[in-house]
Amino acid sequence: MEILDVILQAYLDNHCDPEPDALQTINRETYLKVLKPHMLSGHYQGRVLSFLSKIMQPKRILEIGTFTGYATICLAEGLTDDGEIHTIEVNREMEEMLNSHFKLTNVEKKIKLYFGDAAQIISDLPYTDFDLVFIDADKKNNYTYFERVFDKVRHGGLIIIDNVLWKGKVYGAENDADTQIIRKLNDQVAADVRVEKLILPIRDGLLIIRKK
């Protein structure tokens, strides 16, 4: 998943805040117990998400794709005292592990966990004032999720989409179906005049979108 030189990535890891103990435990358990553990955000990207959340001081966050809860907790670190994060996971089998992971933290009570089809759950959510949205789910539906959440995000709010550099394939010669989907998403957002946008070359690429 890393697109940066391994030595540079190690340097970056060593020059940001340390990974909290609870997240170290979640990281370790994910690699021991879960298929495709590389989907975890990890130390450096987790600190980036936490940093952005703390800058925003959001009252309400939406996350699409909970996985083992690592990024959920990172994002929740920036919530206001009365804030909450709504997080959607398709795989109900993750419930026991997620509840166990959330109990390791001091943000457990701020987390609202949903299971099911993300597009439908997004449509059903009654909120129109999300400060921050993090999209890290099935990549073929990224643009659908972006469109579904757009009117539920306040002006000045952030939408963050993960894996937009797709192991470097989007700017290479590869033209498989998955790469085409990610490339199209990036092009559509780049042309969208409703937002400001930039891609951070962190891990597998973070697309940061600010709603005007």
N, C-alpha and C. Protein backbone atom coordinates (compact mmCIF):
# COMPACT_ATOMS: atom_id res chain seq x y z
N MET A 1 0.82 -1.20 0.00
CA MET A 1 0.00 0.00 0.00
C MET A 1 0.86 1.27 0.00
N GLU A 2 2.09 1.18 0.52
CA GLU A 2 2.93 2.37 0.62
C GLU A 2 3.46 2.76 -0.75
N ILE A 3 3.33 4.04 -1.09
CA ILE A 3 3.88 4.51 -2.36
C ILE A 3 5.18 5.27 -2.15
N LEU A 4 5.46 5.65 -0.91
CA LEU A 4 6.69 6.37 -0.61
C LEU A 4 7.83 5.38 -0.37
N ASP A 5 9.04 5.84 -0.58
CA ASP A 5 10.22 5.06 -0.28
C ASP A 5 10.18 4.60 1.18
N VAL A 6 10.54 3.35 1.43
CA VAL A 6 10.42 2.78 2.78
C VAL A 6 11.25 3.54 3.80
N ILE A 7 12.40 4.05 3.39
CA ILE A 7 13.24 4.81 4.32
C ILE A 7 12.60 6.15 4.65
N LEU A 8 12.03 6.81 3.63
CA LEU A 8 11.32 8.06 3.87
C LEU A 8 10.11 7.82 4.77
N GLN A 9 9.35 6.74 4.52
CA GLN A 9 8.18 6.46 5.35
C GLN A 9 8.57 6.22 6.80
N ALA A 10 9.67 5.51 7.02
CA ALA A 10 10.15 5.27 8.38
C ALA A 10 10.53 6.59 9.06
N TYR A 11 11.15 7.48 8.30
CA TYR A 11 11.52 8.80 8.84
C TYR A 11 10.28 9.58 9.24
N LEU A 12 9.26 9.56 8.37
CA LEU A 12 8.01 10.25 8.68
C LEU A 12 7.35 9.66 9.92
N ASP A 13 7.34 8.34 10.02
CA ASP A 13 6.75 7.67 11.19
C ASP A 13 7.45 8.11 12.47
N ASN A 14 8.76 8.26 12.39
CA ASN A 14 9.55 8.58 13.58
C ASN A 14 9.51 10.06 13.95
N HIS A 15 8.91 10.88 13.08
CA HIS A 15 8.89 12.32 13.34
C HIS A 15 7.47 12.87 13.40
N CYS A 16 6.53 12.02 13.74
CA CYS A 16 5.18 12.46 14.08
C CYS A 16 4.88 11.96 15.48
N ASP A 17 3.73 12.30 16.01
CA ASP A 17 3.37 11.83 17.34
C ASP A 17 3.32 10.30 17.36
N PRO A 18 3.68 9.70 18.49
CA PRO A 18 3.67 8.23 18.57
C PRO A 18 2.26 7.67 18.46
N GLU A 19 2.18 6.43 18.07
CA GLU A 19 0.91 5.73 17.96
C GLU A 19 0.39 5.43 19.37
N PRO A 20 -0.82 5.89 19.71
CA PRO A 20 -1.36 5.61 21.05
C PRO A 20 -1.42 4.11 21.33
N ASP A 21 -1.35 3.76 22.61
CA ASP A 21 -1.30 2.34 23.00
C ASP A 21 -2.48 1.55 22.46
N ALA A 22 -3.69 2.13 22.56
CA ALA A 22 -4.89 1.42 22.09
C ALA A 22 -4.79 1.12 20.61
N LEU A 23 -4.27 2.07 19.83
CA LEU A 23 -4.15 1.86 18.39
C LEU A 23 -3.05 0.86 18.05
N GLN A 24 -2.00 0.83 18.86
CA GLN A 24 -0.99 -0.21 18.67
C GLN A 24 -1.61 -1.59 18.84
N THR A 25 -2.47 -1.74 19.84
CA THR A 25 -3.15 -3.02 20.08
C THR A 25 -4.05 -3.38 18.91
N ILE A 26 -4.82 -2.40 18.41
CA ILE A 26 -5.72 -2.64 17.29
C ILE A 26 -4.93 -2.99 16.03
N ASN A 27 -3.83 -2.31 15.82
CA ASN A 27 -2.97 -2.60 14.68
C ASN A 27 -2.48 -4.05 14.74
N ARG A 28 -1.99 -4.44 15.89
CA ARG A 28 -1.47 -5.80 16.07
C ARG A 28 -2.57 -6.84 15.89
N GLU A 29 -3.72 -6.63 16.50
CA GLU A 29 -4.82 -7.59 16.39
C GLU A 29 -5.33 -7.71 14.95
N THR A 30 -5.35 -6.59 14.24
CA THR A 30 -5.80 -6.62 12.85
C THR A 30 -4.89 -7.50 12.01
N TYR A 31 -3.58 -7.39 12.21
CA TYR A 31 -2.65 -8.19 11.43
C TYR A 31 -2.65 -9.66 11.86
N LEU A 32 -3.07 -9.93 13.08
CA LEU A 32 -3.12 -11.31 13.55
C LEU A 32 -4.42 -12.03 13.16
N LYS A 33 -5.53 -11.29 13.07
CA LYS A 33 -6.83 -11.93 13.03
C LYS A 33 -7.68 -11.64 11.79
N VAL A 34 -7.32 -10.67 10.98
CA VAL A 34 -8.22 -10.20 9.92
C VAL A 34 -7.59 -10.39 8.55
N LEU A 35 -8.40 -10.82 7.59
CA LEU A 35 -7.93 -10.89 6.21
C LEU A 35 -7.68 -9.48 5.67
N LYS A 36 -6.71 -9.35 4.81
CA LYS A 36 -6.35 -8.07 4.20
C LYS A 36 -6.06 -6.99 5.24
N PRO A 37 -5.17 -7.26 6.19
CA PRO A 37 -4.88 -6.28 7.25
C PRO A 37 -4.27 -4.98 6.72
N HIS A 38 -3.71 -5.03 5.50
CA HIS A 38 -3.12 -3.83 4.91
C HIS A 38 -4.17 -2.73 4.68
N MET A 39 -5.46 -3.06 4.79
CA MET A 39 -6.50 -2.05 4.64
C MET A 39 -6.53 -1.09 5.83
N LEU A 40 -5.86 -1.44 6.91
CA LEU A 40 -5.76 -0.58 8.09
C LEU A 40 -5.04 0.72 7.74
N SER A 41 -5.49 1.83 8.29
CA SER A 41 -4.84 3.12 7.99
C SER A 41 -3.40 3.16 8.48
N GLY A 42 -3.14 2.65 9.66
CA GLY A 42 -1.77 2.61 10.18
C GLY A 42 -1.33 3.89 10.84
N HIS A 43 -0.12 3.85 11.41
CA HIS A 43 0.39 4.90 12.29
C HIS A 43 0.38 6.28 11.64
N TYR A 44 1.12 6.44 10.54
CA TYR A 44 1.29 7.78 9.97
C TYR A 44 -0.02 8.34 9.41
N GLN A 45 -0.73 7.55 8.61
CA GLN A 45 -1.99 8.04 8.07
C GLN A 45 -2.99 8.29 9.20
N GLY A 46 -2.96 7.46 10.21
CA GLY A 46 -3.83 7.67 11.36
C GLY A 46 -3.58 8.99 12.04
N ARG A 47 -2.29 9.35 12.17
CA ARG A 47 -1.95 10.65 12.79
C ARG A 47 -2.38 11.80 11.88
N VAL A 48 -2.31 11.61 10.57
CA VAL A 48 -2.79 12.64 9.64
C VAL A 48 -4.29 12.85 9.82
N LEU A 49 -5.05 11.77 9.88
CA LEU A 49 -6.50 11.88 10.05
C LEU A 49 -6.84 12.54 11.39
N SER A 50 -6.13 12.15 12.43
CA SER A 50 -6.35 12.76 13.74
C SER A 50 -6.03 14.25 13.70
N PHE A 51 -4.93 14.60 13.05
CA PHE A 51 -4.49 16.00 12.95
C PHE A 51 -5.54 16.85 12.23
N LEU A 52 -6.02 16.35 11.09
CA LEU A 52 -7.04 17.08 10.33
C LEU A 52 -8.32 17.24 11.15
N SER A 53 -8.69 16.18 11.86
CA SER A 53 -9.89 16.24 12.68
C SER A 53 -9.73 17.27 13.80
N LYS A 54 -8.57 17.29 14.42
CA LYS A 54 -8.33 18.25 15.51
C LYS A 54 -8.33 19.69 14.99
N ILE A 55 -7.85 19.90 13.79
CA ILE A 55 -7.92 21.24 13.18
C ILE A 55 -9.36 21.65 12.96
N MET A 56 -10.16 20.70 12.46
CA MET A 56 -11.57 20.99 12.16
C MET A 56 -12.43 21.11 13.41
N GLN A 57 -12.05 20.41 14.48
CA GLN A 57 -12.86 20.34 15.70
C GLN A 57 -14.32 20.03 15.36
N PRO A 58 -14.55 18.93 14.70
CA PRO A 58 -15.90 18.62 14.21
C PRO A 58 -16.86 18.24 15.33
N LYS A 59 -18.11 18.57 15.12
CA LYS A 59 -19.17 18.10 16.01
C LYS A 59 -19.76 16.81 15.47
N ARG A 60 -19.72 16.63 14.15
CA ARG A 60 -20.32 15.43 13.56
C ARG A 60 -19.45 14.95 12.39
N ILE A 61 -19.05 13.69 12.45
CA ILE A 61 -18.23 13.05 11.43
C ILE A 61 -18.98 11.86 10.87
N LEU A 62 -18.80 11.60 9.57
CA LEU A 62 -19.30 10.39 8.94
C LEU A 62 -18.12 9.62 8.36
N GLU A 63 -18.07 8.33 8.66
CA GLU A 63 -17.05 7.46 8.09
C GLU A 63 -17.73 6.33 7.34
N ILE A 64 -17.29 6.09 6.12
CA ILE A 64 -17.84 5.02 5.29
C ILE A 64 -16.76 3.95 5.13
N GLY A 65 -16.93 2.84 5.83
CA GLY A 65 -15.94 1.78 5.86
C GLY A 65 -15.19 1.78 7.18
N THR A 66 -15.70 1.03 8.17
CA THR A 66 -15.11 1.04 9.51
C THR A 66 -13.92 0.10 9.62
N PHE A 67 -13.98 -1.04 8.96
CA PHE A 67 -12.97 -2.10 9.03
C PHE A 67 -12.77 -2.51 10.50
N THR A 68 -11.58 -2.33 11.08
CA THR A 68 -11.37 -2.71 12.48
C THR A 68 -11.38 -1.51 13.43
N GLY A 69 -11.78 -0.35 12.92
CA GLY A 69 -12.01 0.80 13.79
C GLY A 69 -10.82 1.71 14.02
N TYR A 70 -9.69 1.43 13.39
CA TYR A 70 -8.48 2.23 13.62
C TYR A 70 -8.70 3.69 13.22
N ALA A 71 -9.11 3.91 11.97
CA ALA A 71 -9.31 5.29 11.51
C ALA A 71 -10.47 5.96 12.24
N THR A 72 -11.48 5.17 12.61
CA THR A 72 -12.62 5.71 13.36
C THR A 72 -12.13 6.40 14.62
N ILE A 73 -11.25 5.72 15.35
CA ILE A 73 -10.74 6.25 16.61
C ILE A 73 -9.86 7.47 16.35
N CYS A 74 -9.03 7.42 15.30
CA CYS A 74 -8.18 8.57 14.97
C CYS A 74 -9.04 9.80 14.69
N LEU A 75 -10.07 9.64 13.89
CA LEU A 75 -10.95 10.75 13.56
C LEU A 75 -11.69 11.26 14.79
N ALA A 76 -12.11 10.35 15.65
CA ALA A 76 -12.87 10.72 16.85
C ALA A 76 -12.05 11.54 17.83
N GLU A 77 -10.73 11.45 17.73
CA GLU A 77 -9.86 12.20 18.65
C GLU A 77 -10.06 13.71 18.54
N GLY A 78 -10.53 14.19 17.40
CA GLY A 78 -10.70 15.62 17.20
C GLY A 78 -12.10 16.13 17.50
N LEU A 79 -13.03 15.25 17.84
CA LEU A 79 -14.41 15.66 18.07
C LEU A 79 -14.55 16.62 19.25
N THR A 80 -15.52 17.50 19.16
CA THR A 80 -15.87 18.34 20.29
C THR A 80 -16.38 17.45 21.44
N ASP A 81 -16.50 18.04 22.64
CA ASP A 81 -16.93 17.25 23.79
C ASP A 81 -18.29 16.59 23.55
N ASP A 82 -19.17 17.27 22.81
CA ASP A 82 -20.49 16.72 22.53
C ASP A 82 -20.59 16.14 21.12
N GLY A 83 -19.44 15.91 20.49
CA GLY A 83 -19.42 15.44 19.11
C GLY A 83 -19.65 13.94 19.00
N GLU A 84 -19.87 13.50 17.75
CA GLU A 84 -20.11 12.08 17.50
C GLU A 84 -19.64 11.73 16.09
N ILE A 85 -19.23 10.48 15.95
CA ILE A 85 -18.85 9.96 14.64
C ILE A 85 -19.78 8.82 14.28
N HIS A 86 -20.39 8.91 13.10
CA HIS A 86 -21.26 7.87 12.56
C HIS A 86 -20.43 7.07 11.57
N THR A 87 -20.30 5.78 11.81
CA THR A 87 -19.43 4.96 10.97
C THR A 87 -20.19 3.75 10.46
N ILE A 88 -20.00 3.46 9.16
CA ILE A 88 -20.78 2.43 8.47
C ILE A 88 -19.87 1.30 8.01
N GLU A 89 -20.22 0.07 8.38
CA GLU A 89 -19.47 -1.10 7.99
C GLU A 89 -20.42 -2.13 7.35
N VAL A 90 -20.02 -2.71 6.25
CA VAL A 90 -20.87 -3.66 5.54
C VAL A 90 -20.85 -5.05 6.18
N ASN A 91 -19.73 -5.39 6.84
CA ASN A 91 -19.52 -6.75 7.34
C ASN A 91 -19.93 -6.88 8.80
N ARG A 92 -21.08 -7.49 9.04
CA ARG A 92 -21.61 -7.63 10.40
C ARG A 92 -20.71 -8.49 11.28
N GLU A 93 -19.91 -9.34 10.68
CA GLU A 93 -19.02 -10.20 11.45
C GLU A 93 -17.94 -9.42 12.19
N MET A 94 -17.77 -8.15 11.85
CA MET A 94 -16.78 -7.31 12.51
C MET A 94 -17.29 -6.72 13.82
N GLU A 95 -18.56 -6.91 14.13
CA GLU A 95 -19.18 -6.20 15.25
C GLU A 95 -18.48 -6.46 16.59
N GLU A 96 -18.24 -7.73 16.91
CA GLU A 96 -17.63 -8.06 18.20
C GLU A 96 -16.24 -7.43 18.33
N MET A 97 -15.44 -7.55 17.27
CA MET A 97 -14.10 -6.98 17.31
C MET A 97 -14.16 -5.45 17.43
N LEU A 98 -15.06 -4.82 16.68
CA LEU A 98 -15.16 -3.37 16.73
C LEU A 98 -15.55 -2.89 18.13
N ASN A 99 -16.53 -3.52 18.72
CA ASN A 99 -16.94 -3.11 20.06
C ASN A 99 -15.80 -3.28 21.06
N SER A 100 -15.04 -4.37 20.90
CA SER A 100 -13.88 -4.60 21.76
C SER A 100 -12.83 -3.51 21.57
N HIS A 101 -12.58 -3.13 20.31
CA HIS A 101 -11.58 -2.10 20.03
C HIS A 101 -12.01 -0.74 20.56
N PHE A 102 -13.27 -0.40 20.37
CA PHE A 102 -13.74 0.91 20.82
C PHE A 102 -13.66 1.04 22.35
N LYS A 103 -13.83 -0.08 23.07
CA LYS A 103 -13.76 -0.05 24.53
C LYS A 103 -12.36 0.23 25.05
N LEU A 104 -11.37 0.11 24.19
CA LEU A 104 -9.99 0.40 24.58
C LEU A 104 -9.72 1.90 24.68
N THR A 105 -10.64 2.72 24.21
CA THR A 105 -10.40 4.15 24.04
C THR A 105 -11.30 4.98 24.94
N ASN A 106 -11.04 6.29 24.92
CA ASN A 106 -11.90 7.23 25.66
C ASN A 106 -12.92 7.90 24.75
N VAL A 107 -13.07 7.39 23.54
CA VAL A 107 -14.04 7.97 22.60
C VAL A 107 -15.18 7.00 22.29
N GLU A 108 -15.23 5.89 23.00
CA GLU A 108 -16.23 4.85 22.71
C GLU A 108 -17.65 5.41 22.65
N LYS A 109 -18.01 6.28 23.58
CA LYS A 109 -19.39 6.77 23.66
C LYS A 109 -19.73 7.75 22.54
N LYS A 110 -18.72 8.20 21.81
CA LYS A 110 -18.95 9.14 20.71
C LYS A 110 -19.15 8.43 19.38
N ILE A 111 -19.04 7.11 19.37
CA ILE A 111 -19.08 6.34 18.13
C ILE A 111 -20.45 5.70 17.94
N LYS A 112 -21.08 5.99 16.79
CA LYS A 112 -22.36 5.40 16.41
C LYS A 112 -22.09 4.46 15.23
N LEU A 113 -22.27 3.16 15.46
CA LEU A 113 -21.88 2.15 14.48
C LEU A 113 -23.11 1.60 13.76
N TYR A 114 -23.03 1.56 12.42
CA TYR A 114 -24.11 1.04 11.58
C TYR A 114 -23.57 -0.11 10.73
N PHE A 115 -24.43 -1.09 10.45
CA PHE A 115 -24.07 -2.17 9.55
C PHE A 115 -25.06 -2.22 8.39
N GLY A 116 -24.54 -2.44 7.18
CA GLY A 116 -25.41 -2.56 6.03
C GLY A 116 -24.88 -1.84 4.81
N ASP A 117 -25.77 -1.60 3.87
CA ASP A 117 -25.43 -0.94 2.61
C ASP A 117 -25.19 0.54 2.85
N ALA A 118 -23.97 0.99 2.56
CA ALA A 118 -23.60 2.36 2.90
C ALA A 118 -24.43 3.38 2.16
N ALA A 119 -24.68 3.16 0.87
CA ALA A 119 -25.43 4.15 0.09
C ALA A 119 -26.83 4.37 0.68
N GLN A 120 -27.47 3.29 1.11
CA GLN A 120 -28.80 3.41 1.69
C GLN A 120 -28.75 4.07 3.07
N ILE A 121 -27.78 3.68 3.88
CA ILE A 121 -27.66 4.27 5.22
C ILE A 121 -27.38 5.76 5.13
N ILE A 122 -26.51 6.15 4.20
CA ILE A 122 -26.21 7.58 4.01
C ILE A 122 -27.50 8.34 3.69
N SER A 123 -28.28 7.79 2.78
CA SER A 123 -29.53 8.45 2.39
C SER A 123 -30.50 8.58 3.56
N ASP A 124 -30.48 7.60 4.46
CA ASP A 124 -31.41 7.59 5.58
C ASP A 124 -30.97 8.49 6.74
N LEU A 125 -29.69 8.83 6.80
CA LEU A 125 -29.22 9.68 7.91
C LEU A 125 -29.87 11.05 7.82
N PRO A 126 -30.39 11.58 8.93
CA PRO A 126 -31.16 12.82 8.89
C PRO A 126 -30.31 14.09 8.91
N TYR A 127 -28.98 13.96 8.95
CA TYR A 127 -28.12 15.12 9.17
C TYR A 127 -27.74 15.80 7.86
N THR A 128 -27.58 17.11 7.93
CA THR A 128 -27.10 17.90 6.79
C THR A 128 -25.95 18.81 7.22
N ASP A 129 -25.28 18.44 8.30
CA ASP A 129 -24.26 19.32 8.86
C ASP A 129 -22.98 18.57 9.24
N PHE A 130 -22.64 17.52 8.49
CA PHE A 130 -21.38 16.83 8.78
C PHE A 130 -20.23 17.80 8.53
N ASP A 131 -19.29 17.81 9.47
CA ASP A 131 -18.09 18.65 9.34
C ASP A 131 -17.00 17.93 8.56
N LEU A 132 -17.00 16.61 8.65
CA LEU A 132 -15.92 15.82 8.06
C LEU A 132 -16.48 14.46 7.66
N VAL A 133 -16.12 14.02 6.46
CA VAL A 133 -16.51 12.69 5.97
C VAL A 133 -15.26 11.97 5.50
N PHE A 134 -15.11 10.71 5.90
CA PHE A 134 -13.99 9.89 5.45
C PHE A 134 -14.54 8.68 4.69
N ILE A 135 -14.17 8.57 3.41
CA ILE A 135 -14.65 7.48 2.55
C ILE A 135 -13.51 6.49 2.32
N ASP A 136 -13.69 5.28 2.87
CA ASP A 136 -12.66 4.24 2.73
C ASP A 136 -13.36 2.89 2.68
N ALA A 137 -14.14 2.68 1.63
CA ALA A 137 -14.94 1.45 1.51
C ALA A 137 -14.68 0.83 0.14
N ASP A 138 -15.70 0.22 -0.46
CA ASP A 138 -15.55 -0.41 -1.77
C ASP A 138 -15.31 0.66 -2.83
N LYS A 139 -14.21 0.55 -3.51
CA LYS A 139 -13.72 1.64 -4.36
C LYS A 139 -14.62 1.93 -5.55
N LYS A 140 -15.33 0.92 -6.04
CA LYS A 140 -16.17 1.14 -7.22
C LYS A 140 -17.30 2.10 -6.93
N ASN A 141 -17.63 2.28 -5.66
CA ASN A 141 -18.73 3.17 -5.29
C ASN A 141 -18.27 4.50 -4.69
N ASN A 142 -16.99 4.80 -4.78
CA ASN A 142 -16.48 6.03 -4.16
C ASN A 142 -17.23 7.28 -4.64
N TYR A 143 -17.43 7.38 -5.96
CA TYR A 143 -18.09 8.59 -6.45
C TYR A 143 -19.56 8.62 -6.05
N THR A 144 -20.19 7.46 -5.99
CA THR A 144 -21.57 7.39 -5.50
C THR A 144 -21.64 7.90 -4.07
N TYR A 145 -20.71 7.46 -3.23
CA TYR A 145 -20.69 7.93 -1.84
C TYR A 145 -20.44 9.43 -1.77
N PHE A 146 -19.52 9.90 -2.60
CA PHE A 146 -19.23 11.34 -2.64
C PHE A 146 -20.49 12.14 -2.96
N GLU A 147 -21.22 11.71 -3.96
CA GLU A 147 -22.44 12.41 -4.35
C GLU A 147 -23.53 12.30 -3.28
N ARG A 148 -23.63 11.13 -2.64
CA ARG A 148 -24.65 10.94 -1.61
C ARG A 148 -24.39 11.81 -0.38
N VAL A 149 -23.11 11.99 -0.05
CA VAL A 149 -22.81 12.75 1.18
C VAL A 149 -22.74 14.26 0.94
N PHE A 150 -22.61 14.65 -0.32
CA PHE A 150 -22.27 16.06 -0.60
C PHE A 150 -23.25 17.03 0.06
N ASP A 151 -24.54 16.82 -0.10
CA ASP A 151 -25.54 17.73 0.46
C ASP A 151 -25.69 17.57 1.97
N LYS A 152 -25.01 16.56 2.54
CA LYS A 152 -25.07 16.36 3.98
C LYS A 152 -23.84 16.95 4.69
N VAL A 153 -22.98 17.59 3.91
CA VAL A 153 -21.77 18.22 4.46
C VAL A 153 -21.96 19.73 4.47
N ARG A 154 -21.59 20.37 5.56
CA ARG A 154 -21.72 21.83 5.65
C ARG A 154 -20.71 22.51 4.74
N HIS A 155 -20.98 23.74 4.38
CA HIS A 155 -20.01 24.53 3.62
C HIS A 155 -18.75 24.72 4.47
N GLY A 156 -17.61 24.49 3.87
CA GLY A 156 -16.36 24.54 4.60
C GLY A 156 -15.95 23.20 5.19
N GLY A 157 -16.84 22.19 5.08
CA GLY A 157 -16.53 20.87 5.59
C GLY A 157 -15.60 20.10 4.66
N LEU A 158 -15.02 19.04 5.19
CA LEU A 158 -14.07 18.22 4.44
C LEU A 158 -14.66 16.86 4.09
N ILE A 159 -14.34 16.40 2.88
CA ILE A 159 -14.58 15.02 2.46
C ILE A 159 -13.20 14.44 2.11
N ILE A 160 -12.84 13.34 2.74
CA ILE A 160 -11.54 12.71 2.50
C ILE A 160 -11.78 11.32 1.91
N ILE A 161 -11.11 11.04 0.80
CA ILE A 161 -11.26 9.74 0.14
C ILE A 161 -9.90 9.05 0.10
N ASP A 162 -9.86 7.80 0.53
CA ASP A 162 -8.61 7.05 0.63
C ASP A 162 -8.33 6.26 -0.65
N ASN A 163 -7.06 5.87 -0.81
CA ASN A 163 -6.60 4.97 -1.88
C ASN A 163 -6.74 5.55 -3.29
N VAL A 164 -6.59 6.86 -3.43
CA VAL A 164 -6.82 7.47 -4.74
C VAL A 164 -5.59 7.43 -5.65
N LEU A 165 -4.44 7.01 -5.14
CA LEU A 165 -3.28 6.81 -6.01
C LEU A 165 -3.13 5.35 -6.43
N TRP A 166 -3.87 4.48 -5.76
CA TRP A 166 -4.03 3.08 -6.19
C TRP A 166 -2.69 2.43 -6.52
N LYS A 167 -1.78 2.47 -5.55
CA LYS A 167 -0.44 1.88 -5.68
C LYS A 167 0.33 2.48 -6.86
N GLY A 168 0.02 3.72 -7.20
CA GLY A 168 0.69 4.39 -8.31
C GLY A 168 0.13 4.08 -9.68
N LYS A 169 -0.88 3.23 -9.75
CA LYS A 169 -1.41 2.81 -11.04
C LYS A 169 -2.13 3.94 -11.77
N VAL A 170 -2.76 4.87 -11.04
CA VAL A 170 -3.57 5.90 -11.71
C VAL A 170 -2.73 6.83 -12.57
N TYR A 171 -1.46 6.98 -12.24
CA TYR A 171 -0.60 7.84 -13.07
C TYR A 171 0.40 7.02 -13.87
N GLY A 172 0.16 5.72 -13.97
CA GLY A 172 0.99 4.85 -14.79
C GLY A 172 0.26 4.40 -16.04
N ALA A 173 0.75 3.33 -16.63
CA ALA A 173 0.18 2.84 -17.89
C ALA A 173 -0.93 1.82 -17.67
N GLU A 174 -1.14 1.38 -16.42
CA GLU A 174 -2.15 0.36 -16.15
C GLU A 174 -3.53 0.85 -16.54
N ASN A 175 -4.35 -0.08 -17.03
CA ASN A 175 -5.69 0.32 -17.48
C ASN A 175 -6.74 -0.73 -17.11
N ASP A 176 -6.49 -1.46 -16.01
CA ASP A 176 -7.47 -2.44 -15.56
C ASP A 176 -8.71 -1.71 -15.04
N ALA A 177 -9.78 -2.46 -14.82
CA ALA A 177 -11.08 -1.85 -14.47
C ALA A 177 -11.02 -1.05 -13.17
N ASP A 178 -10.36 -1.59 -12.14
CA ASP A 178 -10.29 -0.88 -10.86
C ASP A 178 -9.52 0.43 -11.00
N THR A 179 -8.42 0.38 -11.73
CA THR A 179 -7.62 1.60 -11.94
C THR A 179 -8.43 2.65 -12.69
N GLN A 180 -9.19 2.22 -13.69
CA GLN A 180 -10.02 3.16 -14.44
C GLN A 180 -11.05 3.84 -13.53
N ILE A 181 -11.61 3.08 -12.59
CA ILE A 181 -12.60 3.63 -11.68
C ILE A 181 -11.99 4.71 -10.79
N ILE A 182 -10.81 4.42 -10.23
CA ILE A 182 -10.15 5.40 -9.36
C ILE A 182 -9.74 6.62 -10.17
N ARG A 183 -9.20 6.40 -11.35
CA ARG A 183 -8.77 7.51 -12.21
C ARG A 183 -9.96 8.41 -12.57
N LYS A 184 -11.10 7.79 -12.87
CA LYS A 184 -12.30 8.57 -13.21
C LYS A 184 -12.76 9.39 -12.01
N LEU A 185 -12.75 8.79 -10.81
CA LEU A 185 -13.11 9.53 -9.61
C LEU A 185 -12.23 10.77 -9.45
N ASN A 186 -10.92 10.59 -9.56
CA ASN A 186 -10.00 11.72 -9.40
C ASN A 186 -10.27 12.81 -10.43
N ASP A 187 -10.53 12.40 -11.66
CA ASP A 187 -10.81 13.37 -12.72
C ASP A 187 -12.12 14.11 -12.46
N GLN A 188 -13.14 13.39 -12.00
CA GLN A 188 -14.43 14.02 -11.73
C GLN A 188 -14.33 15.04 -10.60
N VAL A 189 -13.63 14.69 -9.55
CA VAL A 189 -13.48 15.62 -8.43
C VAL A 189 -12.61 16.80 -8.84
N ALA A 190 -11.57 16.55 -9.62
CA ALA A 190 -10.70 17.63 -10.08
C ALA A 190 -11.47 18.67 -10.90
N ALA A 191 -12.50 18.23 -11.63
CA ALA A 191 -13.28 19.12 -12.48
C ALA A 191 -14.48 19.74 -11.75
N ASP A 192 -14.70 19.36 -10.50
CA ASP A 192 -15.88 19.80 -9.75
C ASP A 192 -15.65 21.20 -9.18
N VAL A 193 -16.39 22.18 -9.66
CA VAL A 193 -16.19 23.57 -9.26
C VAL A 193 -16.84 23.88 -7.91
N ARG A 194 -17.55 22.92 -7.35
CA ARG A 194 -18.20 23.13 -6.05
C ARG A 194 -17.22 22.96 -4.90
N VAL A 195 -16.02 22.47 -5.21
CA VAL A 195 -15.08 22.11 -4.15
C VAL A 195 -13.66 22.58 -4.47
N GLU A 196 -12.85 22.69 -3.40
CA GLU A 196 -11.41 22.80 -3.52
C GLU A 196 -10.84 21.42 -3.22
N LYS A 197 -9.76 21.05 -3.87
CA LYS A 197 -9.29 19.70 -3.72
C LYS A 197 -7.78 19.57 -3.91
N LEU A 198 -7.19 18.58 -3.24
CA LEU A 198 -5.79 18.22 -3.48
C LEU A 198 -5.58 16.79 -3.03
N ILE A 199 -4.59 16.14 -3.62
CA ILE A 199 -4.24 14.77 -3.25
C ILE A 199 -2.94 14.81 -2.46
N LEU A 200 -2.96 14.21 -1.28
CA LEU A 200 -1.75 14.07 -0.48
C LEU A 200 -1.13 12.70 -0.76
N PRO A 201 0.16 12.63 -1.12
CA PRO A 201 0.79 11.34 -1.42
C PRO A 201 1.17 10.61 -0.14
N ILE A 202 0.16 10.33 0.67
CA ILE A 202 0.32 9.63 1.94
C ILE A 202 -0.17 8.20 1.77
N ARG A 203 0.66 7.25 2.11
CA ARG A 203 0.32 5.83 2.01
C ARG A 203 -0.16 5.51 0.60
N ASP A 204 -1.47 5.30 0.38
CA ASP A 204 -1.96 4.98 -0.96
C ASP A 204 -2.70 6.16 -1.58
N GLY A 205 -2.50 7.36 -1.00
CA GLY A 205 -3.10 8.57 -1.56
C GLY A 205 -4.38 8.97 -0.85
N LEU A 206 -4.39 10.18 -0.28
CA LEU A 206 -5.58 10.74 0.34
C LEU A 206 -6.05 11.94 -0.47
N LEU A 207 -7.28 11.90 -0.94
CA LEU A 207 -7.89 13.02 -1.65
C LEU A 207 -8.64 13.87 -0.63
N ILE A 208 -8.17 15.10 -0.44
CA ILE A 208 -8.77 16.02 0.52
C ILE A 208 -9.65 17.01 -0.25
N ILE A 209 -10.92 17.05 0.08
CA ILE A 209 -11.90 17.87 -0.64
C ILE A 209 -12.56 18.81 0.35
N ARG A 210 -12.56 20.10 0.02
CA ARG A 210 -13.24 21.09 0.87
C ARG A 210 -14.44 21.65 0.12
N LYS A 211 -15.61 21.52 0.72
CA LYS A 211 -16.82 22.04 0.10
C LYS A 211 -16.85 23.55 0.24
N LYS A 212 -17.02 24.26 -0.88
CA LYS A 212 -17.03 25.73 -0.86
C LYS A 212 -18.26 26.26 -0.16
